[in-house]
Every structure is written in structure tokens, then in C-alpha cells.
């Protein structure tokens, strides 16, 4: 025999305690327990209360946008944003173009000044070379040779 009791066969248990030797005397000294109170009255079922319909407030009807309306609003917002961005970008581009034109004008003037200085120096050098070749000073007008030097450059 294994001493195993299945769970289904178990019942409530009460802890066993050794009885006191003066138990009979204590029971005599204790007052009698009060009579049990009557059981509470059965609970009556409460009938369901029907909700009272509140008067509806007269709110204006809400018109929600349709899919077409939403698509139209989206397209308008997109076009407005695109136009705004395009205008802003165009304004910035025009500012940048004006600055670039100013810079290019400055570069062009600097190149013209540099070309003039180089032509003047080249003319001076050509006259000096001619004088050295002929071993005499030339009495020429340098303005007459300047177009020839510029064409050579």
C-alpha cells in the first residue's frame, strides 16, 4: 500500500490538538453562546429601469468632407506650397545671379586691366629689344606700336 490519497477523495480537515485536562471546567465557566441570528431576507430582484431619453440638443448637422473634397484640398495645399517655394527660390536665385554678375564684372575689369598692363610692358620690352638690336635709341611714338603689340598678344 502506497499511502497516496487522490485529490478527489480528500475532504476538509481539522487540526487535532491535545485536549486540556481542565477543559470541562473551562466550558462550564464560559457563557452560553448567543442564539444564532435569523438568516437575512432573500434579495429581491430589482426591475430594470429603462433609460429615459433625453431631449436632443438642436445641433447643426456636421458636414464631413468627402474623399474628393480631401483630394481637392490636398492638391490646393500642394500647389500653394509649391508656388510659394518656387517664388521664394526664384527670389533667392535672382539675388545670387546678381551677385555672380557683379563678381564676373569685377573679374572682367581685372582681366582688362591686366591685359593693358601686359601690353604696356610688352611694348616697353619690344622697344628695348629694338634699341639693343639697332644699338641706337628709337624715337618712336609708343602709341603707334601699341595696336601691333595687342594684336600679337
N, C-alpha and C. Protein backbone atom coordinates (compact mmCIF):
# COMPACT_ATOMS: atom_id res chain seq x y z
N UNK A 1 0.84 -1.16 0.00
CA UNK A 1 0.00 0.00 0.00
C UNK A 1 0.89 1.24 0.00
N UNK A 2 0.54 2.20 -0.87
CA UNK A 2 1.44 3.33 -1.08
C UNK A 2 1.14 4.49 -0.15
N UNK A 3 -0.04 4.62 0.38
CA UNK A 3 -0.37 5.72 1.29
C UNK A 3 -0.74 6.99 0.54
N UNK A 4 -0.93 6.86 -0.76
CA UNK A 4 -1.29 8.02 -1.59
C UNK A 4 -2.79 8.12 -1.68
N UNK A 5 -3.35 9.31 -1.40
CA UNK A 5 -4.79 9.53 -1.48
C UNK A 5 -5.03 10.51 -2.62
N UNK A 6 -5.87 10.15 -3.59
CA UNK A 6 -6.12 11.06 -4.70
C UNK A 6 -6.79 12.34 -4.21
N UNK A 7 -6.59 13.40 -4.95
CA UNK A 7 -7.11 14.72 -4.60
C UNK A 7 -8.63 14.72 -4.50
N UNK A 8 -9.31 13.95 -5.35
CA UNK A 8 -10.76 13.93 -5.36
C UNK A 8 -11.34 13.36 -4.08
N UNK A 9 -10.61 12.51 -3.40
CA UNK A 9 -11.11 11.87 -2.19
C UNK A 9 -10.77 12.65 -0.93
N UNK A 10 -9.98 13.68 -1.04
CA UNK A 10 -9.62 14.49 0.13
C UNK A 10 -10.80 15.33 0.56
N UNK A 11 -10.95 15.53 1.84
CA UNK A 11 -12.01 16.38 2.38
C UNK A 11 -11.38 17.40 3.28
N UNK A 12 -12.20 18.31 3.81
CA UNK A 12 -11.67 19.32 4.71
C UNK A 12 -11.14 18.64 5.96
N UNK A 13 -10.15 19.22 6.53
CA UNK A 13 -9.57 18.62 7.72
C UNK A 13 -9.55 19.63 8.84
N UNK A 14 -9.41 19.11 10.05
CA UNK A 14 -9.34 19.96 11.22
C UNK A 14 -8.10 19.53 11.98
N UNK A 15 -7.37 20.49 12.41
CA UNK A 15 -6.13 20.19 13.12
C UNK A 15 -6.46 19.56 14.47
N UNK A 16 -5.78 18.53 14.76
CA UNK A 16 -6.01 17.85 16.03
C UNK A 16 -5.12 18.45 17.08
N UNK A 17 -5.70 18.72 18.23
CA UNK A 17 -4.93 19.22 19.35
C UNK A 17 -5.27 18.37 20.58
N UNK A 18 -4.30 18.26 21.36
CA UNK A 18 -4.47 17.50 22.59
C UNK A 18 -5.39 18.28 23.51
N UNK A 19 -6.36 17.66 24.02
CA UNK A 19 -7.32 18.32 24.90
C UNK A 19 -6.65 18.65 26.23
N UNK A 20 -7.08 19.76 26.79
CA UNK A 20 -6.53 20.16 28.09
C UNK A 20 -7.21 19.37 29.19
N UNK A 21 -6.51 19.20 30.28
CA UNK A 21 -7.07 18.43 31.37
C UNK A 21 -8.19 19.18 32.09
N UNK A 22 -8.15 20.51 32.02
CA UNK A 22 -9.19 21.27 32.71
C UNK A 22 -10.23 21.80 31.73
N UNK A 23 -10.43 21.11 30.65
CA UNK A 23 -11.35 21.56 29.61
C UNK A 23 -12.79 21.58 30.11
N UNK A 24 -13.16 20.65 30.83
CA UNK A 24 -14.54 20.60 31.31
C UNK A 24 -14.82 21.80 32.22
N UNK A 25 -13.88 22.18 33.03
CA UNK A 25 -14.07 23.32 33.92
C UNK A 25 -14.17 24.62 33.12
N UNK A 26 -13.38 24.76 32.09
CA UNK A 26 -13.41 25.98 31.27
C UNK A 26 -14.72 26.11 30.53
N UNK A 27 -15.23 25.00 30.06
CA UNK A 27 -16.50 25.05 29.35
C UNK A 27 -17.64 25.46 30.28
N UNK A 28 -17.54 25.08 31.51
CA UNK A 28 -18.58 25.44 32.47
C UNK A 28 -18.50 26.93 32.78
N UNK A 29 -17.30 27.51 32.79
CA UNK A 29 -17.13 28.91 33.11
C UNK A 29 -17.54 29.82 31.92
N UNK A 30 -17.42 29.36 30.71
CA UNK A 30 -17.75 30.18 29.54
C UNK A 30 -19.24 30.41 29.47
N UNK A 31 -19.66 31.62 29.08
CA UNK A 31 -21.09 31.88 28.95
C UNK A 31 -21.61 31.12 27.73
N UNK A 32 -22.89 30.90 27.74
CA UNK A 32 -23.50 30.17 26.64
C UNK A 32 -23.45 31.02 25.38
N UNK A 33 -23.24 30.39 24.27
CA UNK A 33 -23.18 31.18 23.04
C UNK A 33 -24.54 31.77 22.72
N UNK A 34 -24.57 32.94 22.11
CA UNK A 34 -25.85 33.57 21.80
C UNK A 34 -26.57 32.76 20.73
N UNK A 35 -27.90 32.84 20.73
CA UNK A 35 -28.63 32.08 19.72
C UNK A 35 -28.27 32.60 18.32
N UNK A 36 -28.29 31.75 17.36
CA UNK A 36 -27.91 32.21 16.01
C UNK A 36 -28.92 33.24 15.49
N UNK A 37 -28.39 34.21 14.76
CA UNK A 37 -29.25 35.26 14.23
C UNK A 37 -30.04 34.70 13.05
N UNK A 38 -31.23 35.25 12.85
CA UNK A 38 -32.04 34.72 11.75
C UNK A 38 -31.36 35.02 10.41
N UNK A 39 -31.56 34.18 9.44
CA UNK A 39 -30.90 34.42 8.14
C UNK A 39 -31.46 35.69 7.50
N UNK A 40 -30.64 36.36 6.73
CA UNK A 40 -31.09 37.61 6.11
C UNK A 40 -32.21 37.31 5.12
N UNK A 41 -33.08 38.28 4.92
CA UNK A 41 -34.18 38.05 3.98
C UNK A 41 -33.61 37.90 2.57
N UNK A 42 -34.30 37.15 1.74
CA UNK A 42 -33.79 36.96 0.37
C UNK A 42 -33.80 38.30 -0.38
N UNK A 43 -32.81 38.42 -1.27
CA UNK A 43 -32.67 39.65 -2.04
C UNK A 43 -33.68 39.62 -3.17
N UNK A 44 -34.46 40.67 -3.22
CA UNK A 44 -35.44 40.75 -4.29
C UNK A 44 -34.76 41.27 -5.54
N UNK A 45 -35.19 40.79 -6.66
CA UNK A 45 -34.61 41.26 -7.90
C UNK A 45 -35.14 42.65 -8.18
N UNK A 46 -34.24 43.52 -8.52
CA UNK A 46 -34.60 44.89 -8.84
C UNK A 46 -34.99 44.94 -10.31
N UNK A 47 -36.17 45.47 -10.60
CA UNK A 47 -36.56 45.52 -12.01
C UNK A 47 -35.65 46.49 -12.77
N UNK A 48 -35.41 46.16 -14.05
CA UNK A 48 -34.55 47.03 -14.86
C UNK A 48 -35.25 48.35 -15.10
N UNK A 49 -34.47 49.39 -15.00
CA UNK A 49 -35.01 50.72 -15.23
C UNK A 49 -34.68 51.09 -16.66
N UNK A 50 -35.67 51.47 -17.39
CA UNK A 50 -35.45 51.87 -18.77
C UNK A 50 -34.89 53.28 -18.78
N UNK A 51 -33.85 53.48 -19.56
CA UNK A 51 -33.28 54.83 -19.61
C UNK A 51 -34.27 55.80 -20.24
N UNK A 52 -34.30 56.95 -19.65
CA UNK A 52 -35.19 57.98 -20.15
C UNK A 52 -34.46 58.71 -21.26
N UNK A 53 -35.07 58.83 -22.37
CA UNK A 53 -34.44 59.52 -23.49
C UNK A 53 -34.38 61.01 -23.20
N UNK A 54 -33.17 61.53 -23.25
CA UNK A 54 -33.00 62.96 -23.01
C UNK A 54 -33.37 63.69 -24.29
N UNK A 55 -33.90 64.86 -24.14
CA UNK A 55 -34.23 65.61 -25.35
C UNK A 55 -32.94 65.96 -26.08
N UNK A 56 -32.94 65.75 -27.38
CA UNK A 56 -31.75 66.00 -28.16
C UNK A 56 -31.54 67.50 -28.32
N UNK A 57 -30.28 67.89 -28.17
CA UNK A 57 -29.95 69.29 -28.37
C UNK A 57 -29.99 69.56 -29.87
N UNK A 58 -30.42 70.70 -30.21
CA UNK A 58 -30.51 71.03 -31.63
C UNK A 58 -29.16 71.54 -32.10
N UNK A 59 -28.32 70.60 -32.47
CA UNK A 59 -27.01 70.95 -33.00
C UNK A 59 -27.11 70.98 -34.51
N UNK A 60 -26.35 71.87 -35.12
CA UNK A 60 -26.38 71.89 -36.58
C UNK A 60 -25.72 70.61 -37.09
N UNK A 61 -26.16 70.11 -38.22
CA UNK A 61 -25.57 68.90 -38.75
C UNK A 61 -24.12 69.15 -39.16
N UNK A 62 -23.28 68.15 -38.93
CA UNK A 62 -21.86 68.26 -39.26
C UNK A 62 -21.66 67.69 -40.66
N UNK A 63 -21.10 68.51 -41.52
CA UNK A 63 -20.82 68.06 -42.88
C UNK A 63 -19.36 67.68 -42.97
N UNK A 64 -19.06 66.41 -43.04
CA UNK A 64 -17.69 65.94 -43.15
C UNK A 64 -17.28 65.96 -44.62
N UNK A 65 -16.01 66.27 -44.89
CA UNK A 65 -15.59 66.32 -46.28
C UNK A 65 -15.54 64.92 -46.89
N UNK A 66 -15.80 64.88 -48.18
CA UNK A 66 -15.76 63.61 -48.89
C UNK A 66 -14.32 63.36 -49.36
N UNK A 67 -14.10 62.20 -49.93
CA UNK A 67 -12.76 61.86 -50.43
C UNK A 67 -12.35 62.85 -51.51
N UNK A 68 -13.29 63.19 -52.37
CA UNK A 68 -12.97 64.15 -53.44
C UNK A 68 -12.59 65.50 -52.85
N UNK A 69 -13.34 65.92 -51.81
CA UNK A 69 -13.03 67.20 -51.16
C UNK A 69 -11.64 67.17 -50.54
N UNK A 70 -11.31 66.06 -49.89
CA UNK A 70 -9.99 65.94 -49.27
C UNK A 70 -8.89 65.96 -50.33
N UNK A 71 -9.11 65.25 -51.44
CA UNK A 71 -8.11 65.25 -52.51
C UNK A 71 -7.95 66.64 -53.10
N UNK A 72 -9.07 67.35 -53.24
CA UNK A 72 -9.01 68.71 -53.78
C UNK A 72 -8.25 69.62 -52.82
N UNK A 73 -8.54 69.51 -51.50
CA UNK A 73 -7.83 70.33 -50.52
C UNK A 73 -6.34 70.01 -50.52
N UNK A 74 -6.00 68.73 -50.64
CA UNK A 74 -4.60 68.32 -50.68
C UNK A 74 -3.91 68.92 -51.91
N UNK A 75 -4.58 68.82 -53.07
CA UNK A 75 -3.99 69.36 -54.30
C UNK A 75 -3.81 70.87 -54.20
N UNK A 76 -4.81 71.57 -53.65
CA UNK A 76 -4.69 73.02 -53.49
C UNK A 76 -3.55 73.38 -52.54
N UNK A 77 -3.45 72.67 -51.43
CA UNK A 77 -2.37 72.93 -50.47
C UNK A 77 -1.02 72.65 -51.11
N UNK A 78 -0.93 71.56 -51.87
CA UNK A 78 0.33 71.21 -52.54
C UNK A 78 0.71 72.30 -53.55
N UNK A 79 -0.27 72.73 -54.36
CA UNK A 79 0.00 73.77 -55.36
C UNK A 79 0.39 75.08 -54.71
N UNK A 80 -0.29 75.44 -53.62
CA UNK A 80 0.03 76.68 -52.91
C UNK A 80 1.45 76.61 -52.34
N UNK A 81 1.79 75.49 -51.72
CA UNK A 81 3.14 75.32 -51.17
C UNK A 81 4.19 75.33 -52.26
N UNK A 82 3.90 74.69 -53.37
CA UNK A 82 4.86 74.65 -54.47
C UNK A 82 5.08 76.06 -55.02
N UNK A 83 3.98 76.80 -55.22
CA UNK A 83 4.10 78.15 -55.75
C UNK A 83 4.87 79.06 -54.80
N UNK A 84 4.58 78.91 -53.51
CA UNK A 84 5.28 79.72 -52.50
C UNK A 84 6.77 79.39 -52.50
N UNK A 85 7.10 78.11 -52.52
CA UNK A 85 8.50 77.70 -52.55
C UNK A 85 9.20 78.13 -53.82
N UNK A 86 8.48 78.06 -54.94
CA UNK A 86 9.05 78.46 -56.23
C UNK A 86 9.38 79.95 -56.21
N UNK A 87 8.43 80.76 -55.71
CA UNK A 87 8.66 82.20 -55.64
C UNK A 87 9.84 82.53 -54.73
N UNK A 88 9.89 81.87 -53.59
CA UNK A 88 10.99 82.12 -52.65
C UNK A 88 12.32 81.71 -53.27
N UNK A 89 12.34 80.55 -53.92
CA UNK A 89 13.57 80.08 -54.57
C UNK A 89 13.98 80.99 -55.71
N UNK A 90 13.00 81.48 -56.48
CA UNK A 90 13.32 82.39 -57.59
C UNK A 90 13.93 83.68 -57.06
N UNK A 91 13.36 84.20 -55.97
CA UNK A 91 13.90 85.44 -55.39
C UNK A 91 15.34 85.23 -54.92
N UNK A 92 15.60 84.11 -54.27
CA UNK A 92 16.96 83.82 -53.81
C UNK A 92 17.90 83.64 -54.99
N UNK A 93 17.41 82.97 -56.04
CA UNK A 93 18.24 82.74 -57.22
C UNK A 93 18.58 84.07 -57.90
N UNK A 94 17.61 84.98 -57.98
CA UNK A 94 17.87 86.28 -58.60
C UNK A 94 18.92 87.05 -57.81
N UNK A 95 18.85 86.95 -56.49
CA UNK A 95 19.85 87.61 -55.65
C UNK A 95 21.24 87.02 -55.93
N UNK A 96 21.30 85.68 -55.99
CA UNK A 96 22.58 85.02 -56.26
C UNK A 96 23.09 85.37 -57.66
N UNK A 97 22.20 85.43 -58.64
CA UNK A 97 22.61 85.76 -60.01
C UNK A 97 23.16 87.18 -60.06
N UNK A 98 22.52 88.11 -59.34
CA UNK A 98 23.01 89.48 -59.31
C UNK A 98 24.41 89.54 -58.70
N UNK A 99 24.64 88.77 -57.66
CA UNK A 99 25.97 88.74 -57.03
C UNK A 99 27.00 88.14 -57.99
N UNK A 100 26.60 87.09 -58.72
CA UNK A 100 27.52 86.46 -59.67
C UNK A 100 27.85 87.43 -60.81
N UNK A 101 26.83 88.17 -61.30
CA UNK A 101 27.09 89.17 -62.35
C UNK A 101 28.06 90.23 -61.86
N UNK A 102 27.89 90.66 -60.63
CA UNK A 102 28.80 91.66 -60.06
C UNK A 102 30.23 91.10 -60.01
N UNK A 103 30.36 89.85 -59.55
CA UNK A 103 31.69 89.23 -59.47
C UNK A 103 32.30 89.07 -60.86
N UNK A 104 31.50 88.63 -61.83
CA UNK A 104 32.02 88.46 -63.18
C UNK A 104 32.42 89.80 -63.79
N UNK A 105 31.65 90.85 -63.50
CA UNK A 105 32.04 92.19 -63.98
C UNK A 105 33.38 92.61 -63.39
N UNK A 106 33.57 92.34 -62.10
CA UNK A 106 34.84 92.67 -61.45
C UNK A 106 35.99 91.87 -62.06
N UNK A 107 35.74 90.59 -62.34
CA UNK A 107 36.77 89.75 -62.93
C UNK A 107 37.11 90.26 -64.34
N UNK A 108 36.06 90.63 -65.10
CA UNK A 108 36.28 91.13 -66.46
C UNK A 108 37.13 92.41 -66.44
N UNK A 109 36.79 93.33 -65.51
CA UNK A 109 37.58 94.56 -65.40
C UNK A 109 39.02 94.26 -64.99
N UNK A 110 39.18 93.31 -64.09
CA UNK A 110 40.54 92.95 -63.66
C UNK A 110 41.33 92.36 -64.82
N UNK A 111 40.68 91.53 -65.64
CA UNK A 111 41.37 90.94 -66.80
C UNK A 111 41.75 92.02 -67.82
N UNK A 112 40.85 92.98 -68.04
CA UNK A 112 41.17 94.06 -68.97
C UNK A 112 42.34 94.89 -68.47
N UNK A 113 42.33 95.18 -67.15
CA UNK A 113 43.45 95.94 -66.57
C UNK A 113 44.76 95.16 -66.70
N UNK A 114 44.68 93.86 -66.45
CA UNK A 114 45.88 93.02 -66.55
C UNK A 114 46.37 92.97 -68.00
N UNK A 115 45.43 92.82 -68.96
CA UNK A 115 45.83 92.82 -70.37
C UNK A 115 46.51 94.14 -70.75
N UNK A 116 45.97 95.25 -70.28
CA UNK A 116 46.56 96.56 -70.59
C UNK A 116 47.98 96.66 -70.03
N UNK A 117 48.16 96.24 -68.79
CA UNK A 117 49.50 96.30 -68.18
C UNK A 117 50.48 95.40 -68.92
N UNK A 118 50.02 94.21 -69.30
CA UNK A 118 50.89 93.29 -70.03
C UNK A 118 51.26 93.90 -71.39
N UNK A 119 50.29 94.50 -72.07
CA UNK A 119 50.57 95.12 -73.37
C UNK A 119 51.56 96.27 -73.23
N UNK A 120 51.36 97.08 -72.19
CA UNK A 120 52.30 98.19 -71.96
C UNK A 120 53.70 97.67 -71.68
N UNK A 121 53.81 96.65 -70.86
CA UNK A 121 55.13 96.09 -70.54
C UNK A 121 55.76 95.43 -71.76
N UNK A 122 54.94 94.76 -72.58
CA UNK A 122 55.44 94.12 -73.78
C UNK A 122 55.93 95.16 -74.80
N UNK A 123 55.20 96.29 -74.90
CA UNK A 123 55.62 97.37 -75.79
C UNK A 123 56.96 97.94 -75.34
N UNK A 124 57.08 98.16 -74.04
CA UNK A 124 58.33 98.67 -73.50
C UNK A 124 59.46 97.68 -73.79
N UNK A 125 59.16 96.40 -73.63
CA UNK A 125 60.17 95.37 -73.88
C UNK A 125 60.54 95.32 -75.38
N UNK A 126 59.56 95.45 -76.26
CA UNK A 126 59.84 95.42 -77.71
C UNK A 126 60.71 96.60 -78.13
N UNK A 127 60.39 97.77 -77.58
CA UNK A 127 61.21 98.96 -77.90
C UNK A 127 62.62 98.78 -77.38
N UNK A 128 62.76 98.22 -76.22
CA UNK A 128 64.08 97.99 -75.62
C UNK A 128 64.86 96.98 -76.45
N UNK A 129 64.20 95.94 -76.94
CA UNK A 129 64.87 94.92 -77.77
C UNK A 129 65.31 95.56 -79.10
N UNK A 130 64.44 96.34 -79.71
CA UNK A 130 64.78 97.01 -80.98
C UNK A 130 65.96 97.94 -80.80
N UNK A 131 65.99 98.67 -79.70
CA UNK A 131 67.10 99.59 -79.43
C UNK A 131 68.39 98.81 -79.25
N UNK A 132 68.32 97.69 -78.59
CA UNK A 132 69.52 96.89 -78.38
C UNK A 132 69.99 96.29 -79.71
N UNK A 133 69.06 95.90 -80.57
CA UNK A 133 69.44 95.32 -81.86
C UNK A 133 70.08 96.40 -82.74
N UNK A 134 69.48 97.54 -82.79
CA UNK A 134 70.00 98.61 -83.63
C UNK A 134 71.10 99.41 -82.94
N UNK A 135 71.25 99.23 -81.72
CA UNK A 135 72.24 99.92 -80.88
C UNK A 135 72.09 101.43 -80.95
N UNK A 136 70.91 101.78 -81.08
CA UNK A 136 70.62 103.20 -81.03
C UNK A 136 69.20 103.38 -80.51
N UNK A 137 68.92 104.50 -79.99
CA UNK A 137 67.60 104.73 -79.43
C UNK A 137 66.64 105.09 -80.55
N UNK A 138 65.52 104.56 -80.47
CA UNK A 138 64.49 104.84 -81.44
C UNK A 138 63.64 105.99 -80.92
N UNK A 139 63.36 106.88 -81.82
CA UNK A 139 62.50 107.96 -81.41
C UNK A 139 61.14 107.71 -82.07
N UNK A 140 60.44 106.86 -81.45
CA UNK A 140 59.14 106.49 -81.97
C UNK A 140 58.07 106.90 -80.97
N UNK A 141 56.89 106.91 -81.47
CA UNK A 141 55.75 107.13 -80.58
C UNK A 141 55.25 105.75 -80.17
N UNK A 142 55.29 105.42 -78.89
CA UNK A 142 54.85 104.09 -78.46
C UNK A 142 53.38 103.82 -78.76
N UNK A 143 52.58 104.87 -78.89
CA UNK A 143 51.17 104.67 -79.18
C UNK A 143 50.96 104.03 -80.54
N UNK A 144 51.87 104.23 -81.45
CA UNK A 144 51.74 103.67 -82.78
C UNK A 144 51.99 102.16 -82.78
N UNK A 145 52.85 101.69 -81.90
CA UNK A 145 53.16 100.27 -81.84
C UNK A 145 52.19 99.48 -80.95
N UNK A 146 51.44 100.19 -80.14
CA UNK A 146 50.53 99.52 -79.21
C UNK A 146 49.50 98.61 -79.90
N UNK A 147 48.82 99.01 -81.01
CA UNK A 147 47.90 98.09 -81.68
C UNK A 147 48.60 96.85 -82.22
N UNK A 148 49.80 96.98 -82.67
CA UNK A 148 50.56 95.84 -83.19
C UNK A 148 50.86 94.86 -82.05
N UNK A 149 51.25 95.37 -80.90
CA UNK A 149 51.56 94.51 -79.73
C UNK A 149 50.30 93.82 -79.24
N UNK A 150 49.18 94.55 -79.20
CA UNK A 150 47.93 93.93 -78.75
C UNK A 150 47.50 92.82 -79.70
N UNK A 151 47.69 93.04 -80.98
CA UNK A 151 47.34 92.00 -81.93
C UNK A 151 48.24 90.79 -81.78
N UNK A 152 49.47 91.02 -81.45
CA UNK A 152 50.41 89.92 -81.25
C UNK A 152 50.07 89.13 -79.99
N UNK A 153 49.61 89.83 -78.99
CA UNK A 153 49.23 89.16 -77.75
C UNK A 153 47.98 88.35 -77.99
